[in-house]
Amino acid sequence: MAKFYTLGCYTAKGLAGFVSNPSTDRKAATSALAASVGAKVTQYSGLRGKYDFMAVIEGTFDQAAAAAMVAVSSGAVSDFTILEDIDLNNIATTAQKMASSYKEPGK
């Protein structure tokens, strides 16, 4: 399974939920959401900075994107970003193989 780092911000509606119930367990809620389609949340953290939270999801891109769709469409989350964990060395090896066949524009 692939690993995705997801980042997002809570909207005023989302933050109001915390104010009305400060003991809300977002890791449990996010884990249940992911598990409903066979994905797994391995980490969930609240953040200080541009983003309010980060979750690491193991699964497919479609599963991570669907989780984003559900969260954003609820109105409680915005600025949802999905980053995929990659093996840069494997990509560089493939790029090395491709480099000899690449022709620059105009050549």
PDB file of N, CA and C in Angstrom:
ATOM      1  N   MET A   1       0.837  -1.193   0.000  1.00  0.00           N
ATOM      2  CA  MET A   1       0.000   0.000   0.000  1.00  0.00           C
ATOM      3  C   MET A   1       0.872   1.241   0.000  1.00  0.00           C
ATOM      4  N   ALA A   2       0.384   2.252  -0.643  1.00  0.00           N
ATOM      5  CA  ALA A   2       1.095   3.523  -0.685  1.00  0.00           C
ATOM      6  C   ALA A   2       0.833   4.299   0.604  1.00  0.00           C
ATOM      7  N   LYS A   3       1.704   5.251   0.867  1.00  0.00           N
ATOM      8  CA  LYS A   3       1.575   6.096   2.058  1.00  0.00           C
ATOM      9  C   LYS A   3       1.344   7.533   1.606  1.00  0.00           C
ATOM     10  N   PHE A   4       0.344   8.159   2.222  1.00  0.00           N
ATOM     11  CA  PHE A   4      -0.007   9.536   1.892  1.00  0.00           C
ATOM     12  C   PHE A   4       0.021  10.392   3.149  1.00  0.00           C
ATOM     13  N   TYR A   5       0.587  11.583   3.014  1.00  0.00           N
ATOM     14  CA  TYR A   5       0.582  12.577   4.079  1.00  0.00           C
ATOM     15  C   TYR A   5      -0.506  13.577   3.716  1.00  0.00           C
ATOM     16  N   THR A   6      -1.493  13.708   4.562  1.00  0.00           N
ATOM     17  CA  THR A   6      -2.578  14.631   4.280  1.00  0.00           C
ATOM     18  C   THR A   6      -2.521  15.786   5.276  1.00  0.00           C
ATOM     19  N   LEU A   7      -2.767  16.963   4.776  1.00  0.00           N
ATOM     20  CA  LEU A   7      -2.739  18.182   5.577  1.00  0.00           C
ATOM     21  C   LEU A   7      -4.037  18.939   5.342  1.00  0.00           C
ATOM     22  N   GLY A   8      -4.521  19.613   6.357  1.00  0.00           N
ATOM     23  CA  GLY A   8      -5.730  20.387   6.170  1.00  0.00           C
ATOM     24  C   GLY A   8      -5.909  21.441   7.242  1.00  0.00           C
ATOM     25  N   CYS A   9      -6.913  22.266   7.027  1.00  0.00           N
ATOM     26  CA  CYS A   9      -7.262  23.337   7.960  1.00  0.00           C
ATOM     27  C   CYS A   9      -8.713  23.161   8.380  1.00  0.00           C
ATOM     28  N   TYR A  10      -8.992  23.480   9.628  1.00  0.00           N
ATOM     29  CA  TYR A  10     -10.377  23.471  10.080  1.00  0.00           C
ATOM     30  C   TYR A  10     -11.023  24.796   9.718  1.00  0.00           C
ATOM     31  N   THR A  11     -12.258  24.732   9.298  1.00  0.00           N
ATOM     32  CA  THR A  11     -13.039  25.933   9.025  1.00  0.00           C
ATOM     33  C   THR A  11     -13.612  26.435  10.352  1.00  0.00           C
ATOM     34  N   ALA A  12     -14.320  27.549  10.297  1.00  0.00           N
ATOM     35  CA  ALA A  12     -14.988  28.051  11.499  1.00  0.00           C
ATOM     36  C   ALA A  12     -15.957  26.992  12.037  1.00  0.00           C
ATOM     37  N   LYS A  13     -16.639  26.289  11.143  1.00  0.00           N
ATOM     38  CA  LYS A  13     -17.559  25.218  11.560  1.00  0.00           C
ATOM     39  C   LYS A  13     -16.796  24.104  12.283  1.00  0.00           C
ATOM     40  N   GLY A  14     -15.652  23.706  11.737  1.00  0.00           N
ATOM     41  CA  GLY A  14     -14.849  22.662  12.367  1.00  0.00           C
ATOM     42  C   GLY A  14     -14.328  23.079  13.728  1.00  0.00           C
ATOM     43  N   LEU A  15     -13.841  24.299  13.837  1.00  0.00           N
ATOM     44  CA  LEU A  15     -13.333  24.789  15.121  1.00  0.00           C
ATOM     45  C   LEU A  15     -14.451  24.927  16.146  1.00  0.00           C
ATOM     46  N   ALA A  16     -15.651  25.306  15.696  1.00  0.00           N
ATOM     47  CA  ALA A  16     -16.796  25.403  16.603  1.00  0.00           C
ATOM     48  C   ALA A  16     -17.110  24.033  17.212  1.00  0.00           C
ATOM     49  N   GLY A  17     -16.880  22.974  16.443  1.00  0.00           N
ATOM     50  CA  GLY A  17     -17.080  21.629  16.969  1.00  0.00           C
ATOM     51  C   GLY A  17     -16.147  21.327  18.129  1.00  0.00           C
ATOM     52  N   PHE A  18     -14.905  21.798  18.030  1.00  0.00           N
ATOM     53  CA  PHE A  18     -13.955  21.614  19.138  1.00  0.00           C
ATOM     54  C   PHE A  18     -14.362  22.429  20.363  1.00  0.00           C
ATOM     55  N   VAL A  19     -14.838  23.637  20.130  1.00  0.00           N
ATOM     56  CA  VAL A  19     -15.253  24.492  21.245  1.00  0.00           C
ATOM     57  C   VAL A  19     -16.437  23.855  21.977  1.00  0.00           C
ATOM     58  N   SER A  20     -17.378  23.296  21.229  1.00  0.00           N
ATOM     59  CA  SER A  20     -18.545  22.684  21.870  1.00  0.00           C
ATOM     60  C   SER A  20     -18.215  21.326  22.497  1.00  0.00           C
ATOM     61  N   ASN A  21     -17.152  20.651  22.000  1.00  0.00           N
ATOM     62  CA  ASN A  21     -16.743  19.359  22.565  1.00  0.00           C
ATOM     63  C   ASN A  21     -15.219  19.251  22.491  1.00  0.00           C
ATOM     64  N   PRO A  22     -14.505  19.851  23.457  1.00  0.00           N
ATOM     65  CA  PRO A  22     -13.044  19.882  23.415  1.00  0.00           C
ATOM     66  C   PRO A  22     -12.377  18.512  23.469  1.00  0.00           C
ATOM     67  N   SER A  23     -13.093  17.481  23.881  1.00  0.00           N
ATOM     68  CA  SER A  23     -12.482  16.153  23.954  1.00  0.00           C
ATOM     69  C   SER A  23     -12.672  15.346  22.670  1.00  0.00           C
ATOM     70  N   THR A  24     -13.108  15.996  21.597  1.00  0.00           N
ATOM     71  CA  THR A  24     -13.280  15.325  20.314  1.00  0.00           C
ATOM     72  C   THR A  24     -11.989  14.607  19.924  1.00  0.00           C
ATOM     73  N   ASP A  25     -12.097  13.338  19.561  1.00  0.00           N
ATOM     74  CA  ASP A  25     -10.946  12.523  19.160  1.00  0.00           C
ATOM     75  C   ASP A  25     -10.911  12.415  17.638  1.00  0.00           C
ATOM     76  N   ARG A  26     -10.192  13.324  17.006  1.00  0.00           N
ATOM     77  CA  ARG A  26     -10.156  13.357  15.544  1.00  0.00           C
ATOM     78  C   ARG A  26      -9.368  12.180  14.969  1.00  0.00           C
ATOM     79  N   LYS A  27      -8.393  11.656  15.694  1.00  0.00           N
ATOM     80  CA  LYS A  27      -7.682  10.482  15.188  1.00  0.00           C
ATOM     81  C   LYS A  27      -8.644   9.300  15.073  1.00  0.00           C
ATOM     82  N   ALA A  28      -9.472   9.092  16.070  1.00  0.00           N
ATOM     83  CA  ALA A  28     -10.439   7.994  16.025  1.00  0.00           C
ATOM     84  C   ALA A  28     -11.417   8.184  14.871  1.00  0.00           C
ATOM     85  N   ALA A  29     -11.910   9.408  14.693  1.00  0.00           N
ATOM     86  CA  ALA A  29     -12.860   9.684  13.612  1.00  0.00           C
ATOM     87  C   ALA A  29     -12.211   9.477  12.249  1.00  0.00           C
ATOM     88  N   THR A  30     -10.978   9.953  12.097  1.00  0.00           N
ATOM     89  CA  THR A  30     -10.266   9.807  10.835  1.00  0.00           C
ATOM     90  C   THR A  30      -9.918   8.346  10.573  1.00  0.00           C
ATOM     91  N   SER A  31      -9.540   7.633  11.614  1.00  0.00           N
ATOM     92  CA  SER A  31      -9.222   6.203  11.476  1.00  0.00           C
ATOM     93  C   SER A  31     -10.453   5.414  11.040  1.00  0.00           C
ATOM     94  N   ALA A  32     -11.600   5.717  11.624  1.00  0.00           N
ATOM     95  CA  ALA A  32     -12.841   5.035  11.248  1.00  0.00           C
ATOM     96  C   ALA A  32     -13.209   5.329   9.802  1.00  0.00           C
ATOM     97  N   LEU A  33     -13.033   6.573   9.382  1.00  0.00           N
ATOM     98  CA  LEU A  33     -13.312   6.961   7.997  1.00  0.00           C
ATOM     99  C   LEU A  33     -12.444   6.157   7.038  1.00  0.00           C
ATOM    100  N   ALA A  34     -11.146   6.097   7.304  1.00  0.00           N
ATOM    101  CA  ALA A  34     -10.221   5.359   6.441  1.00  0.00           C
ATOM    102  C   ALA A  34     -10.518   3.864   6.455  1.00  0.00           C
ATOM    103  N   ALA A  35     -10.757   3.321   7.638  1.00  0.00           N
ATOM    104  CA  ALA A  35     -11.002   1.880   7.771  1.00  0.00           C
ATOM    105  C   ALA A  35     -12.260   1.441   7.028  1.00  0.00           C
ATOM    106  N   SER A  36     -13.213   2.334   6.866  1.00  0.00           N
ATOM    107  CA  SER A  36     -14.466   1.975   6.196  1.00  0.00           C
ATOM    108  C   SER A  36     -14.253   1.566   4.741  1.00  0.00           C
ATOM    109  N   VAL A  37     -13.089   1.928   4.173  1.00  0.00           N
ATOM    110  CA  VAL A  37     -12.772   1.535   2.799  1.00  0.00           C
ATOM    111  C   VAL A  37     -11.469   0.747   2.709  1.00  0.00           C
ATOM    112  N   GLY A  38     -10.983   0.248   3.845  1.00  0.00           N
ATOM    113  CA  GLY A  38      -9.799  -0.607   3.848  1.00  0.00           C
ATOM    114  C   GLY A  38      -8.471   0.112   3.961  1.00  0.00           C
ATOM    115  N   ALA A  39      -8.472   1.415   4.193  1.00  0.00           N
ATOM    116  CA  ALA A  39      -7.230   2.171   4.388  1.00  0.00           C
ATOM    117  C   ALA A  39      -6.936   2.241   5.889  1.00  0.00           C
ATOM    118  N   LYS A  40      -5.751   2.741   6.226  1.00  0.00           N
ATOM    119  CA  LYS A  40      -5.339   2.787   7.633  1.00  0.00           C
ATOM    120  C   LYS A  40      -4.675   4.122   7.946  1.00  0.00           C
ATOM    121  N   VAL A  41      -5.057   4.728   9.057  1.00  0.00           N
ATOM    122  CA  VAL A  41      -4.398   5.938   9.547  1.00  0.00           C
ATOM    123  C   VAL A  41      -3.324   5.490  10.534  1.00  0.00           C
ATOM    124  N   THR A  42      -2.067   5.808  10.214  1.00  0.00           N
ATOM    125  CA  THR A  42      -0.965   5.410  11.093  1.00  0.00           C
ATOM    126  C   THR A  42      -0.513   6.532  12.013  1.00  0.00           C
ATOM    127  N   GLN A  43      -0.906   7.756  11.692  1.00  0.00           N
ATOM    128  CA  GLN A  43      -0.557   8.886  12.549  1.00  0.00           C
ATOM    129  C   GLN A  43      -1.551  10.010  12.306  1.00  0.00           C
ATOM    130  N   TYR A  44      -1.889  10.722  13.365  1.00  0.00           N
ATOM    131  CA  TYR A  44      -2.724  11.912  13.269  1.00  0.00           C
ATOM    132  C   TYR A  44      -2.175  12.913  14.269  1.00  0.00           C
ATOM    133  N   SER A  45      -1.921  14.120  13.815  1.00  0.00           N
ATOM    134  CA  SER A  45      -1.368  15.143  14.692  1.00  0.00           C
ATOM    135  C   SER A  45      -2.045  16.480  14.434  1.00  0.00           C
ATOM    136  N   GLY A  46      -2.305  17.197  15.517  1.00  0.00           N
ATOM    137  CA  GLY A  46      -2.684  18.591  15.391  1.00  0.00           C
ATOM    138  C   GLY A  46      -1.416  19.390  15.163  1.00  0.00           C
ATOM    139  N   LEU A  47      -1.502  20.450  14.412  1.00  0.00           N
ATOM    140  CA  LEU A  47      -0.318  21.225  14.050  1.00  0.00           C
ATOM    141  C   LEU A  47      -0.500  22.698  14.395  1.00  0.00           C
ATOM    142  N   ARG A  48       0.619  23.359  14.586  1.00  0.00           N
ATOM    143  CA  ARG A  48       0.625  24.808  14.736  1.00  0.00           C
ATOM    144  C   ARG A  48       1.328  25.349  13.506  1.00  0.00           C
ATOM    145  N   GLY A  49       0.676  26.242  12.800  1.00  0.00           N
ATOM    146  CA  GLY A  49       1.251  26.783  11.576  1.00  0.00           C
ATOM    147  C   GLY A  49       0.185  26.915  10.511  1.00  0.00           C
ATOM    148  N   LYS A  50       0.580  26.815   9.248  1.00  0.00           N
ATOM    149  CA  LYS A  50      -0.340  26.981   8.118  1.00  0.00           C
ATOM    150  C   LYS A  50      -1.473  25.963   8.147  1.00  0.00           C
ATOM    151  N   TYR A  51      -1.166  24.729   8.543  1.00  0.00           N
ATOM    152  CA  TYR A  51      -2.170  23.666   8.590  1.00  0.00           C
ATOM    153  C   TYR A  51      -2.532  23.349  10.033  1.00  0.00           C
ATOM    154  N   ASP A  52      -3.765  22.885  10.235  1.00  0.00           N
ATOM    155  CA  ASP A  52      -4.248  22.558  11.577  1.00  0.00           C
ATOM    156  C   ASP A  52      -4.038  21.090  11.945  1.00  0.00           C
ATOM    157  N   PHE A  53      -3.939  20.222  10.932  1.00  0.00           N
ATOM    158  CA  PHE A  53      -3.769  18.799  11.220  1.00  0.00           C
ATOM    159  C   PHE A  53      -3.007  18.108  10.101  1.00  0.00           C
ATOM    160  N   MET A  54      -2.476  16.930  10.450  1.00  0.00           N
ATOM    161  CA  MET A  54      -1.775  16.081   9.503  1.00  0.00           C
ATOM    162  C   MET A  54      -2.145  14.647   9.839  1.00  0.00           C
ATOM    163  N   ALA A  55      -2.468  13.866   8.811  1.00  0.00           N
ATOM    164  CA  ALA A  55      -2.740  12.443   9.000  1.00  0.00           C
ATOM    165  C   ALA A  55      -1.924  11.670   7.972  1.00  0.00           C
ATOM    166  N   VAL A  56      -1.366  10.554   8.410  1.00  0.00           N
ATOM    167  CA  VAL A  56      -0.666   9.652   7.504  1.00  0.00           C
ATOM    168  C   VAL A  56      -1.619   8.498   7.222  1.00  0.00           C
ATOM    169  N   ILE A  57      -1.913   8.289   5.950  1.00  0.00           N
ATOM    170  CA  ILE A  57      -2.859   7.257   5.530  1.00  0.00           C
ATOM    171  C   ILE A  57      -2.146   6.248   4.655  1.00  0.00           C
ATOM    172  N   GLU A  58      -2.303   4.974   4.960  1.00  0.00           N
ATOM    173  CA  GLU A  58      -1.797   3.906   4.105  1.00  0.00           C
ATOM    174  C   GLU A  58      -2.979   3.346   3.337  1.00  0.00           C
ATOM    175  N   GLY A  59      -2.855   3.327   2.024  1.00  0.00           N
ATOM    176  CA  GLY A  59      -3.936   2.855   1.162  1.00  0.00           C
ATOM    177  C   GLY A  59      -3.661   3.271  -0.264  1.00  0.00           C
ATOM    178  N   THR A  60      -4.711   3.535  -1.001  1.00  0.00           N
ATOM    179  CA  THR A  60      -4.584   3.979  -2.387  1.00  0.00           C
ATOM    180  C   THR A  60      -4.843   5.479  -2.464  1.00  0.00           C
ATOM    181  N   PHE A  61      -4.437   6.076  -3.582  1.00  0.00           N
ATOM    182  CA  PHE A  61      -4.719   7.499  -3.759  1.00  0.00           C
ATOM    183  C   PHE A  61      -6.222   7.741  -3.757  1.00  0.00           C
ATOM    184  N   ASP A  62      -6.980   6.848  -4.396  1.00  0.00           N
ATOM    185  CA  ASP A  62      -8.432   7.024  -4.433  1.00  0.00           C
ATOM    186  C   ASP A  62      -9.027   7.046  -3.022  1.00  0.00           C
ATOM    187  N   GLN A  63      -8.506   6.202  -2.130  1.00  0.00           N
ATOM    188  CA  GLN A  63      -8.997   6.195  -0.754  1.00  0.00           C
ATOM    189  C   GLN A  63      -8.663   7.503  -0.044  1.00  0.00           C
ATOM    190  N   ALA A  64      -7.433   7.999  -0.218  1.00  0.00           N
ATOM    191  CA  ALA A  64      -7.039   9.269   0.401  1.00  0.00           C
ATOM    192  C   ALA A  64      -7.862  10.424  -0.165  1.00  0.00           C
ATOM    193  N   ALA A  65      -8.081  10.413  -1.484  1.00  0.00           N
ATOM    194  CA  ALA A  65      -8.859  11.474  -2.124  1.00  0.00           C
ATOM    195  C   ALA A  65     -10.320  11.423  -1.678  1.00  0.00           C
ATOM    196  N   ALA A  66     -10.861  10.229  -1.502  1.00  0.00           N
ATOM    197  CA  ALA A  66     -12.243  10.099  -1.034  1.00  0.00           C
ATOM    198  C   ALA A  66     -12.374  10.627   0.392  1.00  0.00           C
ATOM    199  N   ALA A  67     -11.382  10.356   1.237  1.00  0.00           N
ATOM    200  CA  ALA A  67     -11.393  10.891   2.602  1.00  0.00           C
ATOM    201  C   ALA A  67     -11.397  12.415   2.559  1.00  0.00           C
ATOM    202  N   ALA A  68     -10.601  12.976   1.668  1.00  0.00           N
ATOM    203  CA  ALA A  68     -10.570  14.439   1.510  1.00  0.00           C
ATOM    204  C   ALA A  68     -11.939  14.949   1.063  1.00  0.00           C
ATOM    205  N   MET A  69     -12.556  14.233   0.127  1.00  0.00           N
ATOM    206  CA  MET A  69     -13.853  14.652  -0.396  1.00  0.00           C
ATOM    207  C   MET A  69     -14.902  14.674   0.723  1.00  0.00           C
ATOM    208  N   VAL A  70     -14.899  13.643   1.548  1.00  0.00           N
ATOM    209  CA  VAL A  70     -15.858  13.574   2.651  1.00  0.00           C
ATOM    210  C   VAL A  70     -15.599  14.700   3.651  1.00  0.00           C
ATOM    211  N   ALA A  71     -14.341  14.894   4.039  1.00  0.00           N
ATOM    212  CA  ALA A  71     -14.007  15.913   5.039  1.00  0.00           C
ATOM    213  C   ALA A  71     -14.338  17.319   4.538  1.00  0.00           C
ATOM    214  N   VAL A  72     -13.948  17.625   3.317  1.00  0.00           N
ATOM    215  CA  VAL A  72     -14.189  18.965   2.774  1.00  0.00           C
ATOM    216  C   VAL A  72     -15.677  19.206   2.553  1.00  0.00           C
ATOM    217  N   SER A  73     -16.389  18.190   2.045  1.00  0.00           N
ATOM    218  CA  SER A  73     -17.817  18.384   1.779  1.00  0.00           C
ATOM    219  C   SER A  73     -18.638  18.535   3.059  1.00  0.00           C
ATOM    220  N   SER A  74     -18.068  18.139   4.202  1.00  0.00           N
ATOM    221  CA  SER A  74     -18.773  18.325   5.480  1.00  0.00           C
ATOM    222  C   SER A  74     -18.814  19.792   5.889  1.00  0.00           C
ATOM    223  N   GLY A  75     -17.910  20.584   5.311  1.00  0.00           N
ATOM    224  CA  GLY A  75     -17.823  21.995   5.673  1.00  0.00           C
ATOM    225  C   GLY A  75     -16.932  22.256   6.869  1.00  0.00           C
ATOM    226  N   ALA A  76     -16.357  21.190   7.464  1.00  0.00           N
ATOM    227  CA  ALA A  76     -15.520  21.356   8.654  1.00  0.00           C
ATOM    228  C   ALA A  76     -14.042  21.501   8.328  1.00  0.00           C
ATOM    229  N   VAL A  77     -13.667  21.209   7.082  1.00  0.00           N
ATOM    230  CA  VAL A  77     -12.262  21.192   6.689  1.00  0.00           C
ATOM    231  C   VAL A  77     -12.092  21.943   5.367  1.00  0.00           C
ATOM    232  N   SER A  78     -10.941  22.613   5.232  1.00  0.00           N
ATOM    233  CA  SER A  78     -10.598  23.272   3.963  1.00  0.00           C
ATOM    234  C   SER A  78      -9.105  23.092   3.712  1.00  0.00           C
ATOM    235  N   ASP A  79      -8.650  23.538   2.571  1.00  0.00           N
ATOM    236  CA  ASP A  79      -7.228  23.505   2.208  1.00  0.00           C
ATOM    237  C   ASP A  79      -6.625  22.114   2.404  1.00  0.00           C
ATOM    238  N   PHE A  80      -7.342  21.100   1.969  1.00  0.00           N
ATOM    239  CA  PHE A  80      -6.886  19.715   2.135  1.00  0.00           C
ATOM    240  C   PHE A  80      -5.839  19.412   1.071  1.00  0.00           C
ATOM    241  N   THR A  81      -4.706  18.928   1.502  1.00  0.00           N
ATOM    242  CA  THR A  81      -3.592  18.623   0.609  1.00  0.00           C
ATOM    243  C   THR A  81      -3.195  17.170   0.808  1.00  0.00           C
ATOM    244  N   ILE A  82      -2.939  16.467  -0.297  1.00  0.00           N
ATOM    245  CA  ILE A  82      -2.500  15.079  -0.241  1.00  0.00           C
ATOM    246  C   ILE A  82      -1.116  14.998  -0.864  1.00  0.00           C
ATOM    247  N   LEU A  83      -0.161  14.490  -0.102  1.00  0.00           N
ATOM    248  CA  LEU A  83       1.212  14.301  -0.580  1.00  0.00           C
ATOM    249  C   LEU A  83       1.526  12.812  -0.532  1.00  0.00           C
ATOM    250  N   GLU A  84       2.067  12.275  -1.628  1.00  0.00           N
ATOM    251  CA  GLU A  84       2.383  10.845  -1.670  1.00  0.00           C
ATOM    252  C   GLU A  84       3.847  10.607  -1.330  1.00  0.00           C
ATOM    253  N   ASP A  85       4.086   9.636  -0.468  1.00  0.00           N
ATOM    254  CA  ASP A  85       5.434   9.206  -0.117  1.00  0.00           C
ATOM    255  C   ASP A  85       6.035   8.506  -1.341  1.00  0.00           C
ATOM    256  N   ILE A  86       7.236   8.894  -1.734  1.00  0.00           N
ATOM    257  CA  ILE A  86       7.858   8.331  -2.934  1.00  0.00           C
ATOM    258  C   ILE A  86       9.281   7.878  -2.644  1.00  0.00           C
ATOM    259  N   ASP A  87       9.813   7.075  -3.534  1.00  0.00           N
ATOM    260  CA  ASP A  87      11.216   6.663  -3.470  1.00  0.00           C
ATOM    261  C   ASP A  87      11.958   7.466  -4.539  1.00  0.00           C
ATOM    262  N   LEU A  88      12.586   8.535  -4.125  1.00  0.00           N
ATOM    263  CA  LEU A  88      13.254   9.445  -5.052  1.00  0.00           C
ATOM    264  C   LEU A  88      14.370   8.750  -5.820  1.00  0.00           C
ATOM    265  N   ASN A  89      15.051   7.782  -5.199  1.00  0.00           N
ATOM    266  CA  ASN A  89      16.121   7.061  -5.886  1.00  0.00           C
ATOM    267  C   ASN A  89      15.578   6.229  -7.054  1.00  0.00           C
ATOM    268  N   ASN A  90      14.436   5.585  -6.877  1.00  0.00           N
ATOM    269  CA  ASN A  90      13.833   4.833  -7.982  1.00  0.00           C
ATOM    270  C   ASN A  90      13.435   5.762  -9.123  1.00  0.00           C
ATOM    271  N   ILE A  91      12.911   6.908  -8.778  1.00  0.00           N
ATOM    272  CA  ILE A  91      12.534   7.875  -9.809  1.00  0.00           C
ATOM    273  C   ILE A  91      13.770   8.357 -10.553  1.00  0.00           C
ATOM    274  N   ALA A  92      14.843   8.628  -9.829  1.00  0.00           N
ATOM    275  CA  ALA A  92      16.088   9.081 -10.465  1.00  0.00           C
ATOM    276  C   ALA A  92      16.661   7.993 -11.371  1.00  0.00           C
ATOM    277  N   THR A  93      16.545   6.734 -10.978  1.00  0.00           N
ATOM    278  CA  THR A  93      17.021   5.630 -11.819  1.00  0.00           C
ATOM    279  C   THR A  93      16.236   5.586 -13.121  1.00  0.00           C
ATOM    280  N   THR A  94      14.925   5.742 -13.040  1.00  0.00           N
ATOM    281  CA  THR A  94      14.097   5.776 -14.245  1.00  0.00           C
ATOM    282  C   THR A  94      14.447   6.989 -15.091  1.00  0.00           C
ATOM    283  N   ALA A  95      14.651   8.141 -14.464  1.00  0.00           N
ATOM    284  CA  ALA A  95      15.025   9.352 -15.201  1.00  0.00           C
ATOM    285  C   ALA A  95      16.356   9.169 -15.916  1.00  0.00           C
ATOM    286  N   GLN A  96      17.301   8.497 -15.260  1.00  0.00           N
ATOM    287  CA  GLN A  96      18.605   8.239 -15.882  1.00  0.00           C
ATOM    288  C   GLN A  96      18.432   7.412 -17.153  1.00  0.00           C
ATOM    289  N   LYS A  97      17.576   6.413 -17.112  1.00  0.00           N
ATOM    290  CA  LYS A  97      17.312   5.570 -18.291  1.00  0.00           C
ATOM    291  C   LYS A  97      16.667   6.374 -19.411  1.00  0.00           C
ATOM    292  N   MET A  98      15.817   7.313 -19.048  1.00  0.00           N
ATOM    293  CA  MET A  98      15.095   8.112 -20.036  1.00  0.00           C
ATOM    294  C   MET A  98      15.935   9.243 -20.617  1.00  0.00           C
ATOM    295  N   ALA A  99      16.925   9.727 -19.882  1.00  0.00           N
ATOM    296  CA  ALA A  99      17.652  10.936 -20.248  1.00  0.00           C
ATOM    297  C   ALA A  99      18.290  10.864 -21.620  1.00  0.00           C
ATOM    298  N   SER A 100      18.809   9.713 -22.027  1.00  0.00           N
ATOM    299  CA  SER A 100      19.499   9.624 -23.314  1.00  0.00           C
ATOM    300  C   SER A 100      18.539   9.741 -24.498  1.00  0.00           C
ATOM    301  N   SER A 101      17.249   9.494 -24.277  1.00  0.00           N
ATOM    302  CA  SER A 101      16.292   9.581 -25.385  1.00  0.00           C
ATOM    303  C   SER A 101      15.539  10.905 -25.414  1.00  0.00           C
ATOM    304  N   TYR A 102      15.817  11.782 -24.464  1.00  0.00           N
ATOM    305  CA  TYR A 102      15.123  13.067 -24.413  1.00  0.00           C
ATOM    306  C   TYR A 102      15.738  14.036 -25.380  1.00  0.00           C
ATOM    307  N   LYS A 103      14.895  14.731 -26.132  1.00  0.00           N
ATOM    308  CA  LYS A 103      15.372  15.782 -27.041  1.00  0.00           C
ATOM    309  C   LYS A 103      14.758  17.095 -26.577  1.00  0.00           C
ATOM    310  N   GLU A 104      15.621  18.088 -26.373  1.00  0.00           N
ATOM    311  CA  GLU A 104      15.163  19.407 -25.961  1.00  0.00           C
ATOM    312  C   GLU A 104      14.362  20.051 -27.082  1.00  0.00           C
ATOM    313  N   PRO A 105      13.471  20.964 -26.743  1.00  0.00           N
ATOM    314  CA  PRO A 105      12.730  21.687 -27.767  1.00  0.00           C
ATOM    315  C   PRO A 105      13.703  22.377 -28.736  1.00  0.00           C
ATOM    316  N   GLY A 106      13.443  22.260 -30.006  1.00  0.00           N
ATOM    317  CA  GLY A 106      14.272  22.902 -31.024  1.00  0.00           C
ATOM    318  C   GLY A 106      15.457  22.074 -31.454  1.00  0.00           C
ATOM    319  N   LYS A 107      15.622  20.869 -30.934  1.00  0.00           N
ATOM    320  CA  LYS A 107      16.758  20.029 -31.316  1.00  0.00           C
ATOM    321  C   LYS A 107      16.295  18.765 -31.975  1.00  0.00           C
TER     322      LYS A 107
END
